Protein backbone atom coordinates (compact mmCIF):
# COMPACT_ATOMS: atom_id res chain seq x y z
CA MET A 1 122.70 88.62 54.48
CA PRO A 2 123.40 86.49 57.88
CA GLU A 3 120.28 85.50 59.67
CA PRO A 4 119.35 84.77 63.40
CA ILE A 5 119.23 81.44 63.82
CA ASP A 6 118.95 78.20 66.94
CA ALA A 7 122.17 77.37 67.47
CA PRO A 8 122.62 74.21 65.79
CA ALA A 9 124.04 71.02 68.55
CA ALA A 10 127.85 71.03 67.09
CA LEU A 11 128.59 74.57 66.87
CA LEU A 12 127.14 74.82 71.13
CA ASP A 13 128.89 71.42 71.75
CA GLY A 14 132.08 72.63 69.12
CA LEU A 15 132.65 76.32 71.68
CA GLY A 16 131.51 74.95 75.19
CA ALA A 17 129.44 78.39 75.60
CA GLU A 18 126.09 79.43 75.38
CA PRO A 19 125.95 82.68 73.33
CA LYS A 20 123.57 85.57 73.15
CA ALA A 21 122.95 85.68 69.28
CA VAL A 22 123.75 83.26 66.46
CA LEU A 23 123.62 84.41 62.59
CA ALA A 24 124.08 82.24 59.69
CA ALA A 25 125.35 83.38 55.75
CA PHE A 26 128.11 81.94 54.73
CA ASP A 27 129.86 80.87 57.98
CA TYR A 28 128.50 81.06 61.30
CA ILE A 29 128.24 84.43 63.07
CA VAL A 30 128.07 83.66 67.14
CA VAL A 31 127.86 86.85 69.15
CA PHE A 32 128.74 86.85 72.96
CA GLU A 33 127.57 89.80 75.67
CA ASN A 34 130.89 90.64 76.87
CA GLU A 35 135.38 90.18 75.34
CA ALA A 36 136.04 88.08 78.73
CA GLN A 37 133.88 85.62 77.31
CA VAL A 38 134.98 85.01 73.63
CA ARG A 39 138.78 85.25 75.37
CA ALA A 40 137.49 82.10 77.16
CA LEU A 41 136.38 80.13 74.82
CA THR A 42 137.94 76.64 74.69
CA PRO A 43 136.83 75.38 71.60
CA ASP A 44 136.87 71.60 70.78
CA CYS A 45 137.99 71.92 67.18
CA ALA A 46 137.29 68.14 66.49
CA LYS A 47 133.20 68.93 66.53
CA LEU A 48 133.06 72.04 63.95
CA PRO A 49 133.82 69.58 60.74
CA GLU A 50 130.13 68.54 61.65
CA LEU A 51 129.33 72.08 61.05
CA ASP A 52 127.26 72.53 56.78
CA ASN A 53 128.16 76.35 56.56
CA ARG A 54 132.05 77.86 55.96
CA GLY A 55 133.67 78.12 59.19
CA VAL A 56 132.65 80.45 62.12
CA VAL A 57 133.19 83.55 63.81
CA VAL A 58 132.64 84.38 66.97
CA THR A 59 132.56 88.17 68.25
CA ALA A 60 131.44 90.17 70.83
CA PRO A 61 131.82 93.97 71.89
CA GLY A 62 135.18 94.91 73.27
CA ASP A 63 135.60 95.83 76.82
CA ASP A 64 137.48 99.65 75.75
CA ALA A 65 136.05 102.36 75.53
CA GLY A 66 135.64 104.03 71.24
CA CYS A 67 135.07 101.34 68.41
CA GLU A 68 136.29 97.74 69.33
CA VAL A 69 135.41 94.06 68.61
CA VAL A 70 136.88 90.57 69.59
CA GLY A 71 136.61 88.11 67.64
CA ASP A 72 137.58 84.61 67.37
CA ARG A 73 137.83 82.33 63.83
CA VAL A 74 138.21 78.48 63.67
CA ILE A 75 139.73 78.16 59.89
CA LEU A 76 138.44 74.47 58.87
CA THR A 77 140.47 73.46 55.97
CA GLY A 78 141.01 69.36 55.09
CA ASP A 79 142.06 67.50 57.83
CA ALA A 80 143.62 70.60 59.53
CA VAL A 81 142.57 73.41 61.40
CA ASP A 82 143.81 77.02 63.17
CA TYR A 83 142.68 79.01 65.33
CA LEU A 84 142.88 82.41 65.27
CA GLN A 85 142.16 85.24 67.72
CA GLY A 86 142.40 88.88 67.48
CA THR A 87 141.42 92.75 67.70
CA ILE A 88 140.23 95.07 65.77
CA LYS A 89 140.07 99.23 67.07
CA VAL A 90 138.92 101.14 65.20
């Protein structure tokens, strides 16, 4: 179960933005106020491997009516870094 934590410096440096909340379990779950903040992120993927958790999930409520979440995920696999962005509508 994810627990609220103080954001590690490497996470804040890697994302380049101050989130509303950070939770930790296997991944860091980073919550921003709105979709625009998530879409504006330009993560420094070279800093994120310093983190001790498996990965980073970034999310915020969507701007459209209904149940929508926008999220980003940085996947670290050895020396390769993939940055994915997507929207889930339910």
